[in-house]
Amino acid sequence: MKEFLLVIQIIVSVTLIGIILTQSRGGGLGSAFGGSGQIYRSKRGIEKLFVYLTISLAALFFVLSVIQLLIN
């Protein structure tokens, strides 16, 4: 059980790192691929999905860490 939780936590952490690195600082996802980042707009589409996915994965990582702490 411990090994399974550890593998799941590693997968979640690598995915979380990848999603965070995909998000561009301040300019949105469009400017990361050469688009103009000078216009302010709200997060839509995949950018909004990345924000929600980042929050969800961070919460899942926290819960898995607490569960592993309680098991040990």
C-alpha atoms as a PDB file:
ATOM      1  CA  MET A   1       0.000   0.000   0.000  1.00  0.00           C
ATOM      2  CA  LYS A   2       2.832   2.390   0.864  1.00  0.00           C
ATOM      3  CA  GLU A   3       4.568   1.750  -2.441  1.00  0.00           C
ATOM      4  CA  PHE A   4       1.354   2.331  -4.398  1.00  0.00           C
ATOM      5  CA  LEU A   5       0.747   5.665  -2.665  1.00  0.00           C
ATOM      6  CA  LEU A   6       4.356   6.673  -3.279  1.00  0.00           C
ATOM      7  CA  VAL A   7       4.104   5.896  -6.999  1.00  0.00           C
ATOM      8  CA  ILE A   8       0.829   7.849  -7.257  1.00  0.00           C
ATOM      9  CA  GLN A   9       2.404  10.788  -5.414  1.00  0.00           C
ATOM     10  CA  ILE A  10       5.404  10.789  -7.766  1.00  0.00           C
ATOM     11  CA  ILE A  11       3.117  10.756 -10.815  1.00  0.00           C
ATOM     12  CA  VAL A  12       1.041  13.616  -9.375  1.00  0.00           C
ATOM     13  CA  SER A  13       4.143  15.662  -8.553  1.00  0.00           C
ATOM     14  CA  VAL A  14       5.705  15.243 -12.016  1.00  0.00           C
ATOM     15  CA  THR A  15       2.391  16.155 -13.658  1.00  0.00           C
ATOM     16  CA  LEU A  16       2.048  19.186 -11.393  1.00  0.00           C
ATOM     17  CA  ILE A  17       5.557  20.360 -12.272  1.00  0.00           C
ATOM     18  CA  GLY A  18       4.839  19.953 -15.973  1.00  0.00           C
ATOM     19  CA  ILE A  19       1.606  21.936 -15.806  1.00  0.00           C
ATOM     20  CA  ILE A  20       3.207  24.729 -13.787  1.00  0.00           C
ATOM     21  CA  LEU A  21       6.101  24.988 -16.254  1.00  0.00           C
ATOM     22  CA  THR A  22       3.672  25.076 -19.183  1.00  0.00           C
ATOM     23  CA  GLN A  23       1.946  28.136 -17.772  1.00  0.00           C
ATOM     24  CA  SER A  24       3.657  31.340 -18.834  1.00  0.00           C
ATOM     25  CA  ARG A  25       4.404  33.987 -16.227  1.00  0.00           C
ATOM     26  CA  GLY A  26       2.028  36.921 -16.674  1.00  0.00           C
ATOM     27  CA  GLY A  27       1.408  36.545 -20.386  1.00  0.00           C
ATOM     28  CA  GLY A  28      -0.864  33.575 -20.610  1.00  0.00           C
ATOM     29  CA  LEU A  29      -0.431  30.438 -22.637  1.00  0.00           C
ATOM     30  CA  GLY A  30      -0.742  32.250 -25.972  1.00  0.00           C
ATOM     31  CA  SER A  31       2.438  34.255 -25.493  1.00  0.00           C
ATOM     32  CA  ALA A  32       4.365  31.106 -24.600  1.00  0.00           C
ATOM     33  CA  PHE A  33       3.950  29.963 -28.193  1.00  0.00           C
ATOM     34  CA  GLY A  34       4.734  33.276 -29.877  1.00  0.00           C
ATOM     35  CA  GLY A  35       1.421  35.085 -29.558  1.00  0.00           C
ATOM     36  CA  SER A  36       1.078  38.677 -28.475  1.00  0.00           C
ATOM     37  CA  GLY A  37       0.848  38.929 -24.701  1.00  0.00           C
ATOM     38  CA  GLN A  38       0.259  42.682 -24.538  1.00  0.00           C
ATOM     39  CA  ILE A  39      -3.541  42.563 -24.406  1.00  0.00           C
ATOM     40  CA  TYR A  40      -5.211  41.825 -21.070  1.00  0.00           C
ATOM     41  CA  ARG A  41      -7.928  39.220 -21.218  1.00  0.00           C
ATOM     42  CA  SER A  42      -9.531  36.745 -18.890  1.00  0.00           C
ATOM     43  CA  LYS A  43      -8.432  33.139 -18.748  1.00  0.00           C
ATOM     44  CA  ARG A  44     -10.374  31.000 -21.184  1.00  0.00           C
ATOM     45  CA  GLY A  45     -10.173  27.552 -22.611  1.00  0.00           C
ATOM     46  CA  ILE A  46      -6.995  25.649 -21.903  1.00  0.00           C
ATOM     47  CA  GLU A  47      -5.555  28.366 -19.625  1.00  0.00           C
ATOM     48  CA  LYS A  48      -8.566  28.088 -17.342  1.00  0.00           C
ATOM     49  CA  LEU A  49      -8.284  24.294 -17.447  1.00  0.00           C
ATOM     50  CA  PHE A  50      -4.616  24.533 -16.439  1.00  0.00           C
ATOM     51  CA  VAL A  51      -5.471  26.753 -13.479  1.00  0.00           C
ATOM     52  CA  TYR A  52      -8.118  24.337 -12.226  1.00  0.00           C
ATOM     53  CA  LEU A  53      -5.878  21.345 -12.891  1.00  0.00           C
ATOM     54  CA  THR A  54      -3.014  22.963 -10.972  1.00  0.00           C
ATOM     55  CA  ILE A  55      -5.243  23.598  -7.959  1.00  0.00           C
ATOM     56  CA  SER A  56      -6.668  20.070  -8.078  1.00  0.00           C
ATOM     57  CA  LEU A  57      -3.282  18.387  -8.387  1.00  0.00           C
ATOM     58  CA  ALA A  58      -1.822  20.494  -5.573  1.00  0.00           C
ATOM     59  CA  ALA A  59      -4.732  19.510  -3.313  1.00  0.00           C
ATOM     60  CA  LEU A  60      -4.328  15.841  -4.287  1.00  0.00           C
ATOM     61  CA  PHE A  61      -0.597  16.026  -3.580  1.00  0.00           C
ATOM     62  CA  PHE A  62      -1.313  17.490  -0.142  1.00  0.00           C
ATOM     63  CA  VAL A  63      -3.877  14.796   0.679  1.00  0.00           C
ATOM     64  CA  LEU A  64      -1.515  12.029  -0.448  1.00  0.00           C
ATOM     65  CA  SER A  65       1.260  13.514   1.699  1.00  0.00           C
ATOM     66  CA  VAL A  66      -0.957  13.576   4.783  1.00  0.00           C
ATOM     67  CA  ILE A  67      -2.116   9.990   4.149  1.00  0.00           C
ATOM     68  CA  GLN A  68       1.476   8.807   3.839  1.00  0.00           C
ATOM     69  CA  LEU A  69       2.376  10.626   7.035  1.00  0.00           C
ATOM     70  CA  LEU A  70      -0.462   8.913   8.879  1.00  0.00           C
ATOM     71  CA  ILE A  71       0.480   5.485   7.493  1.00  0.00           C
ATOM     72  CA  ASN A  72       4.113   5.826   8.567  1.00  0.00           C
END
